[in-house]
N, C-alpha and C. Protein backbone atom coordinates (compact mmCIF):
# COMPACT_ATOMS: atom_id res chain seq x y z
N MET A 1 139.42 113.43 84.00
CA MET A 1 139.88 114.38 82.91
C MET A 1 138.61 113.40 81.74
N ALA A 2 137.82 114.26 81.39
CA ALA A 2 137.00 113.76 80.08
C ALA A 2 137.58 113.07 78.80
N THR A 3 137.11 112.55 78.20
CA THR A 3 138.00 111.78 76.78
C THR A 3 136.85 112.11 75.80
N HIS A 4 136.94 112.04 74.74
CA HIS A 4 136.46 112.24 73.53
C HIS A 4 136.05 110.93 72.68
N GLY A 5 135.10 110.61 72.29
CA GLY A 5 135.09 109.23 71.18
C GLY A 5 135.46 109.04 70.28
N GLY A 6 136.36 110.04 69.69
CA GLY A 6 136.77 110.06 68.38
C GLY A 6 136.75 111.35 67.47
N PRO A 7 137.00 111.61 66.54
CA PRO A 7 136.73 112.96 65.87
C PRO A 7 135.38 113.19 65.93
N GLY A 8 135.46 115.15 65.68
CA GLY A 8 134.22 115.65 65.51
C GLY A 8 133.99 116.15 66.74
N PRO A 9 132.93 116.81 66.90
CA PRO A 9 132.24 117.33 68.39
C PRO A 9 132.93 116.86 69.39
N VAL A 10 133.58 117.87 70.25
CA VAL A 10 133.09 117.48 71.90
C VAL A 10 132.29 116.56 72.36
N GLY A 11 131.30 116.63 72.51
CA GLY A 11 130.26 116.09 73.19
C GLY A 11 129.32 115.11 72.11
N GLY A 12 130.13 114.65 71.01
CA GLY A 12 129.62 113.56 70.35
C GLY A 12 128.80 113.75 69.11
N GLY A 13 128.31 113.42 67.99
CA GLY A 13 127.51 113.33 67.15
C GLY A 13 128.08 114.05 65.85
N ALA A 14 127.16 114.46 64.65
CA ALA A 14 127.47 114.87 63.70
C ALA A 14 128.00 115.61 63.69
N ALA A 15 129.76 116.00 62.70
CA ALA A 15 130.14 116.96 62.33
C ALA A 15 129.20 117.98 61.58
N HIS A 16 130.01 119.35 61.95
CA HIS A 16 129.31 120.58 61.42
C HIS A 16 130.36 121.39 61.01
N GLY A 17 130.32 122.34 60.06
CA GLY A 17 130.94 123.18 59.37
C GLY A 17 131.70 123.01 58.07
N TYR A 18 132.57 124.20 57.92
CA TYR A 18 133.04 124.63 56.32
C TYR A 18 133.14 123.17 55.74
N LEU A 19 133.77 122.27 56.29
CA LEU A 19 134.37 120.95 55.82
C LEU A 19 133.38 119.80 55.34
N TRP A 20 132.24 120.07 56.14
CA TRP A 20 131.04 118.84 56.56
C TRP A 20 129.98 119.19 55.39
N SER A 21 129.61 120.32 54.47
CA SER A 21 128.47 120.79 54.15
C SER A 21 127.48 121.41 55.14
N GLU A 22 126.16 121.61 54.73
CA GLU A 22 125.48 122.17 55.22
C GLU A 22 125.00 121.35 56.19
N ASN A 23 124.71 120.25 55.84
CA ASN A 23 124.03 119.26 56.90
C ASN A 23 124.80 118.34 57.91
N GLY A 24 126.29 119.19 58.00
CA GLY A 24 127.27 118.28 58.47
C GLY A 24 127.26 116.90 58.06
N THR A 25 127.79 115.74 58.72
CA THR A 25 128.32 114.69 58.37
C THR A 25 126.90 113.54 58.81
N GLY A 26 125.94 113.93 59.20
CA GLY A 26 124.49 113.12 59.19
C GLY A 26 124.87 112.12 60.13
N CYS A 27 125.87 111.71 60.26
CA CYS A 27 126.37 110.92 61.43
C CYS A 27 127.49 110.68 62.57
N ALA A 28 127.64 110.54 63.56
CA ALA A 28 128.75 110.49 64.83
C ALA A 28 129.81 109.70 63.75
N LEU A 29 130.91 110.33 63.80
CA LEU A 29 132.39 109.69 63.12
C LEU A 29 133.27 109.15 64.72
N ARG A 30 132.90 107.38 64.77
CA ARG A 30 133.55 106.96 65.74
C ARG A 30 135.23 107.01 65.73
N ASN A 31 135.50 107.04 64.84
CA ASN A 31 136.93 107.18 64.74
C ASN A 31 137.38 107.75 63.65
N ILE A 32 138.50 107.54 63.28
CA ILE A 32 139.41 108.60 62.19
C ILE A 32 139.18 107.56 60.65
N ASN A 33 139.03 106.53 60.92
CA ASN A 33 138.81 105.29 59.76
C ASN A 33 137.15 105.85 59.36
N ASP A 34 136.14 106.01 60.45
CA ASP A 34 135.03 106.75 59.66
C ASP A 34 135.21 108.01 58.86
N MET A 35 136.02 108.66 59.62
CA MET A 35 135.97 109.82 59.03
C MET A 35 137.00 109.94 57.81
N GLU A 36 137.58 108.79 57.31
CA GLU A 36 138.65 108.70 55.92
C GLU A 36 137.01 108.09 55.39
N ILE A 37 136.44 107.18 55.68
CA ILE A 37 135.54 106.31 55.07
C ILE A 37 134.12 107.46 54.04
N TRP A 38 133.92 108.45 55.52
CA TRP A 38 132.80 109.72 54.71
C TRP A 38 133.59 110.59 54.28
N LEU A 39 135.09 110.95 53.83
CA LEU A 39 135.58 111.61 52.94
C LEU A 39 135.59 110.78 51.41
N ASN A 40 136.81 109.69 51.88
CA ASN A 40 136.69 109.14 50.48
C ASN A 40 135.22 108.58 49.54
N THR A 41 134.03 108.63 50.26
CA THR A 41 132.90 108.12 49.72
C THR A 41 132.72 109.04 48.58
N ARG A 42 132.75 110.53 48.99
CA ARG A 42 131.96 111.72 48.21
C ARG A 42 133.03 111.68 47.57
N LEU A 43 134.48 111.93 47.47
CA LEU A 43 135.42 111.98 46.74
C LEU A 43 135.32 110.75 45.38
N ALA A 44 134.48 109.54 45.85
CA ALA A 44 134.69 108.76 44.90
C ALA A 44 133.76 109.22 43.86
N ILE A 45 132.56 109.56 44.41
CA ILE A 45 131.60 110.23 43.15
C ILE A 45 132.11 110.93 42.02
N ILE A 46 133.11 111.75 42.15
CA ILE A 46 133.65 112.57 40.93
C ILE A 46 135.25 111.77 40.96
N ASP A 47 135.31 110.52 40.96
CA ASP A 47 136.56 110.00 40.61
C ASP A 47 137.76 110.56 40.85
N GLN A 48 137.68 111.38 42.35
CA GLN A 48 139.15 111.75 43.01
C GLN A 48 139.48 110.84 43.65
N PRO A 49 141.05 110.92 43.58
CA PRO A 49 141.62 109.53 44.24
C PRO A 49 141.67 109.76 45.92
N ARG A 50 141.66 108.29 46.37
CA ARG A 50 141.63 108.73 47.92
C ARG A 50 142.40 109.44 48.79
N ILE A 51 141.80 109.76 50.03
CA ILE A 51 143.04 110.44 51.01
C ILE A 51 142.87 109.41 52.07
N SER A 52 144.44 109.66 52.94
CA SER A 52 144.61 109.02 53.67
C SER A 52 144.89 109.99 55.56
N LEU A 53 144.02 109.17 56.12
CA LEU A 53 144.25 110.33 57.43
C LEU A 53 145.33 109.69 58.32
N THR A 54 145.87 108.55 57.90
CA THR A 54 146.84 107.75 58.78
C THR A 54 147.70 108.78 59.75
N HIS A 55 148.33 109.17 59.13
CA HIS A 55 149.47 110.09 60.03
C HIS A 55 148.78 111.21 60.89
N GLN A 56 147.52 111.45 60.64
CA GLN A 56 146.81 112.55 61.14
C GLN A 56 146.65 112.94 62.96
N ARG A 57 147.27 113.36 63.64
CA ARG A 57 147.04 112.99 64.97
C ARG A 57 145.52 114.20 65.11
N LEU A 58 144.19 113.45 65.86
CA LEU A 58 142.98 114.19 66.29
C LEU A 58 143.62 115.41 67.42
N LEU A 59 143.48 116.64 67.22
CA LEU A 59 143.98 117.70 68.43
C LEU A 59 142.17 118.51 67.95
N MET A 60 141.83 119.49 69.71
CA MET A 60 141.00 119.91 69.77
C MET A 60 141.36 121.20 68.86
N ARG A 61 140.09 121.70 68.00
CA ARG A 61 140.09 122.70 67.25
C ARG A 61 139.06 123.71 66.93
N HIS A 62 138.93 124.65 67.46
CA HIS A 62 137.91 125.74 67.16
C HIS A 62 137.23 125.90 66.30
N MET A 63 137.97 125.42 64.84
CA MET A 63 137.10 125.10 63.13
C MET A 63 136.31 126.30 62.80
N ASP A 64 136.65 127.75 63.58
CA ASP A 64 135.81 128.99 62.87
C ASP A 64 136.06 129.90 63.56
N LEU A 65 137.66 130.46 63.31
CA LEU A 65 138.26 131.39 64.15
C LEU A 65 138.33 132.91 62.89
N ALA A 66 137.04 132.62 62.88
CA ALA A 66 136.71 134.77 62.08
C ALA A 66 136.91 135.71 63.13
N ARG A 67 136.97 137.05 62.66
CA ARG A 67 137.16 137.64 63.81
C ARG A 67 136.01 138.08 64.62
N ARG A 68 135.14 137.40 64.41
CA ARG A 68 133.87 137.94 64.61
C ARG A 68 133.18 136.87 66.07
N ASN A 69 134.36 135.66 66.22
CA ASN A 69 134.23 134.87 67.03
C ASN A 69 135.50 135.18 68.09
N ILE A 70 136.43 136.53 68.09
CA ILE A 70 137.05 136.47 68.81
C ILE A 70 136.78 137.93 69.64
N CYS A 71 136.80 138.23 71.02
CA CYS A 71 136.46 139.44 71.91
C CYS A 71 137.47 139.66 72.61
N VAL A 72 137.82 140.90 72.67
CA VAL A 72 139.02 141.46 73.80
C VAL A 72 137.98 142.01 74.60
N LEU A 73 138.22 141.88 76.22
CA LEU A 73 137.52 142.48 76.84
C LEU A 73 138.20 143.29 77.53
N SER A 74 137.49 144.32 78.47
CA SER A 74 138.00 145.40 78.64
C SER A 74 139.32 145.64 79.30
N ASP A 75 139.82 144.06 80.21
CA ASP A 75 140.37 144.10 81.34
C ASP A 75 141.88 143.10 80.27
N SER A 76 141.64 143.08 78.37
CA SER A 76 142.55 142.92 77.83
C SER A 76 142.80 141.13 77.58
N ARG A 77 141.91 140.22 78.54
CA ARG A 77 141.79 139.16 78.23
C ARG A 77 140.75 139.00 76.83
N ILE A 78 141.03 137.72 76.19
CA ILE A 78 140.75 137.31 74.99
C ILE A 78 139.89 136.22 75.01
N CYS A 79 138.59 135.99 74.53
CA CYS A 79 137.28 135.69 74.61
C CYS A 79 137.28 134.88 73.18
N PHE A 80 137.21 133.45 73.27
CA PHE A 80 136.69 133.15 71.91
C PHE A 80 134.96 132.31 71.76
N SER A 81 134.48 132.70 71.13
CA SER A 81 133.09 132.73 71.01
C SER A 81 132.40 131.44 69.67
N ASP A 82 131.11 131.41 69.77
CA ASP A 82 130.83 130.29 68.61
C ASP A 82 131.89 128.87 68.56
N TRP A 83 131.62 128.41 69.54
CA TRP A 83 132.11 126.79 69.59
C TRP A 83 131.51 125.41 69.10
N ALA A 84 130.54 126.08 67.69
CA ALA A 84 129.91 125.13 67.35
C ALA A 84 130.20 124.39 66.60
N PHE A 85 131.62 124.43 66.04
CA PHE A 85 131.87 123.55 64.82
C PHE A 85 133.11 123.27 65.44
N ALA A 86 133.41 123.30 66.53
CA ALA A 86 134.68 122.98 67.45
C ALA A 86 134.80 121.53 67.96
N GLY A 87 135.73 120.38 68.23
CA GLY A 87 135.88 119.63 68.02
C GLY A 87 137.28 118.58 67.81
N PHE A 88 137.89 117.65 68.09
CA PHE A 88 138.94 116.87 67.70
C PHE A 88 138.93 116.56 66.03
N TYR A 89 140.08 117.30 65.58
CA TYR A 89 140.12 117.21 64.14
C TYR A 89 141.71 117.22 63.55
N PRO A 90 141.98 116.52 62.17
CA PRO A 90 143.79 117.03 62.34
C PRO A 90 143.71 118.25 62.07
N ALA A 91 144.80 119.01 62.70
CA ALA A 91 145.48 120.29 62.54
C ALA A 91 145.29 120.63 60.85
N ILE A 92 145.71 119.67 59.64
CA ILE A 92 145.40 119.92 58.62
C ILE A 92 144.01 120.71 58.42
N PHE A 93 142.91 120.49 58.75
CA PHE A 93 141.84 120.82 58.47
C PHE A 93 141.50 121.87 58.95
N GLU A 94 142.02 122.61 59.87
CA GLU A 94 141.85 124.33 59.88
C GLU A 94 142.56 124.96 59.16
N ILE A 95 143.83 124.54 58.80
CA ILE A 95 144.51 124.90 57.76
C ILE A 95 143.88 124.92 56.46
N GLN A 96 143.08 124.27 55.78
CA GLN A 96 141.96 123.80 55.00
C GLN A 96 140.78 125.12 55.10
N VAL A 97 140.19 124.92 56.42
CA VAL A 97 139.49 126.09 56.40
C VAL A 97 139.89 127.60 56.35
N PHE A 98 141.01 127.91 57.06
CA PHE A 98 141.47 128.87 56.88
C PHE A 98 141.66 129.44 55.26
N ARG A 99 142.65 128.25 54.73
CA ARG A 99 142.57 128.78 53.25
C ARG A 99 141.16 128.89 52.53
N ASP A 100 140.10 128.28 52.72
CA ASP A 100 138.91 128.66 52.13
C ASP A 100 138.46 129.82 52.46
N LEU A 101 138.33 130.53 53.49
CA LEU A 101 137.92 131.85 54.30
C LEU A 101 138.94 132.45 53.70
N CYS A 102 139.92 132.66 53.10
CA CYS A 102 140.98 133.73 52.74
C CYS A 102 140.16 134.94 51.96
N ALA A 103 139.49 134.50 50.69
CA ALA A 103 138.62 135.41 50.04
C ALA A 103 137.68 136.37 50.64
N LYS A 104 137.57 135.88 52.21
CA LYS A 104 136.35 136.39 52.88
C LYS A 104 137.32 137.44 53.47
N ASP A 105 138.40 137.22 53.94
CA ASP A 105 139.12 138.14 54.67
C ASP A 105 140.79 137.96 54.52
N SER A 106 141.31 137.73 53.51
CA SER A 106 142.39 137.77 53.37
C SER A 106 143.35 138.29 54.52
N ALA A 107 143.59 139.23 54.49
CA ALA A 107 144.22 139.95 56.06
C ALA A 107 144.49 139.09 56.83
N TRP A 108 142.94 138.59 57.68
CA TRP A 108 143.03 137.86 58.92
C TRP A 108 143.59 136.48 58.70
N PHE A 109 143.05 136.23 57.52
CA PHE A 109 143.75 134.42 57.47
C PHE A 109 144.51 134.17 56.98
N ASP A 110 145.48 134.93 56.26
CA ASP A 110 146.60 134.95 55.72
C ASP A 110 147.79 134.85 56.91
N GLN A 111 147.33 135.92 57.86
CA GLN A 111 147.94 136.02 58.95
C GLN A 111 148.06 134.68 60.19
N LEU A 112 146.77 134.12 60.10
CA LEU A 112 146.72 133.03 60.74
C LEU A 112 147.43 131.83 60.27
N LEU A 113 147.27 132.11 58.97
CA LEU A 113 148.07 130.74 58.51
C LEU A 113 149.71 131.16 58.02
N TYR A 114 149.99 132.28 58.45
CA TYR A 114 151.60 132.23 58.68
C TYR A 114 151.94 131.77 59.89
N PHE A 115 151.17 131.66 61.21
CA PHE A 115 151.71 131.20 62.30
C PHE A 115 151.35 129.57 62.35
N LEU A 116 150.72 128.92 61.37
CA LEU A 116 150.40 127.74 61.57
C LEU A 116 152.13 126.84 61.14
N PRO A 117 151.84 125.70 61.45
CA PRO A 117 152.75 124.82 60.86
C PRO A 117 153.06 124.77 59.05
N LYS A 118 154.08 124.53 58.15
CA LYS A 118 153.65 124.54 57.20
C LYS A 118 153.62 123.35 56.31
N PRO A 119 152.24 122.80 55.82
CA PRO A 119 152.06 121.51 55.35
C PRO A 119 153.13 120.80 54.48
N ASN A 120 153.86 119.42 54.87
CA ASN A 120 154.47 119.11 54.05
C ASN A 120 153.86 118.59 52.78
N ALA A 121 154.69 118.17 51.59
CA ALA A 121 153.99 117.44 50.34
C ALA A 121 152.82 116.97 50.15
N ASP A 122 152.96 115.80 51.25
CA ASP A 122 151.67 114.83 51.56
C ASP A 122 150.86 115.61 51.66
N GLU A 123 150.73 116.79 52.94
CA GLU A 123 149.77 117.19 53.57
C GLU A 123 149.45 118.28 52.41
N GLU A 124 150.19 118.76 51.64
CA GLU A 124 149.88 119.80 50.34
C GLU A 124 148.81 119.04 49.32
N ASP A 125 148.88 117.61 49.21
CA ASP A 125 148.34 116.82 48.47
C ASP A 125 146.96 116.67 49.10
N LEU A 126 146.70 116.06 50.72
CA LEU A 126 145.76 116.37 50.97
C LEU A 126 144.55 116.96 50.81
N LEU A 127 145.63 118.72 51.31
CA LEU A 127 144.67 120.06 51.08
C LEU A 127 144.16 120.07 49.69
N GLN A 128 144.25 119.67 48.49
CA GLN A 128 144.12 119.68 47.52
C GLN A 128 142.78 119.07 47.24
N ARG A 129 142.64 118.13 48.01
CA ARG A 129 141.18 117.52 47.88
C ARG A 129 140.12 117.62 49.03
N LEU A 130 140.95 118.55 50.14
CA LEU A 130 139.99 118.24 51.48
C LEU A 130 138.69 119.34 51.15
N SER A 131 138.56 120.02 50.34
CA SER A 131 137.41 121.17 50.60
C SER A 131 136.38 120.10 49.43
N LEU A 132 136.71 119.38 48.72
CA LEU A 132 135.45 118.94 47.72
C LEU A 132 134.46 118.20 48.08
N PRO A 133 134.64 117.10 49.42
CA PRO A 133 133.62 116.11 50.35
C PRO A 133 132.43 117.20 50.71
N ALA A 134 132.56 118.45 50.94
CA ALA A 134 131.25 119.32 51.55
C ALA A 134 130.87 119.81 50.08
N ILE A 135 131.42 119.98 48.75
CA ILE A 135 130.43 120.56 47.86
C ILE A 135 129.72 119.24 47.26
N ILE A 136 130.74 118.05 47.53
CA ILE A 136 129.86 116.84 46.90
C ILE A 136 128.66 116.43 47.47
N ASN A 137 128.80 116.20 49.15
CA ASN A 137 127.52 116.48 50.14
C ASN A 137 126.25 116.94 49.57
N ASP A 138 126.74 118.71 49.61
CA ASP A 138 125.33 119.41 48.98
C ASP A 138 124.83 119.13 47.89
N LYS A 139 125.65 118.39 46.57
CA LYS A 139 124.83 118.34 45.38
C LYS A 139 124.47 117.11 45.30
N PHE A 140 124.98 116.26 45.89
CA PHE A 140 124.42 114.77 45.90
C PHE A 140 124.17 114.09 46.82
N ARG A 141 123.30 114.70 47.90
CA ARG A 141 122.83 114.36 48.72
C ARG A 141 121.84 113.36 48.71
């Protein structure tokens, strides 16, 4: 069975997608601490409190479950496409992506959010700041 080396893409390398900015992380994240450092470095630029990912488990996530990436085949099987942003991330990250994309397709993403576990108070605090690092990375790189 294959193992992964840390958070981010299955094959390694820089993380890309909605939470990381246009250019991604720019480097591979070796462990959850690297991910925390990357996020907190950007939050520090605008004097935001640090986040902690200590209690977050890394799970395989698609990270781009937009309607365009889901096909129903003629035999009713479901296929997921465009795995470019997929990798090992905390579940809370996918919740943030769905929340960010609600403005583009609220019917779809509200439904996906309905079926996910509800964040606790600490996770809601984390979610409040999770979309900021990508914006900061684009602006101050």
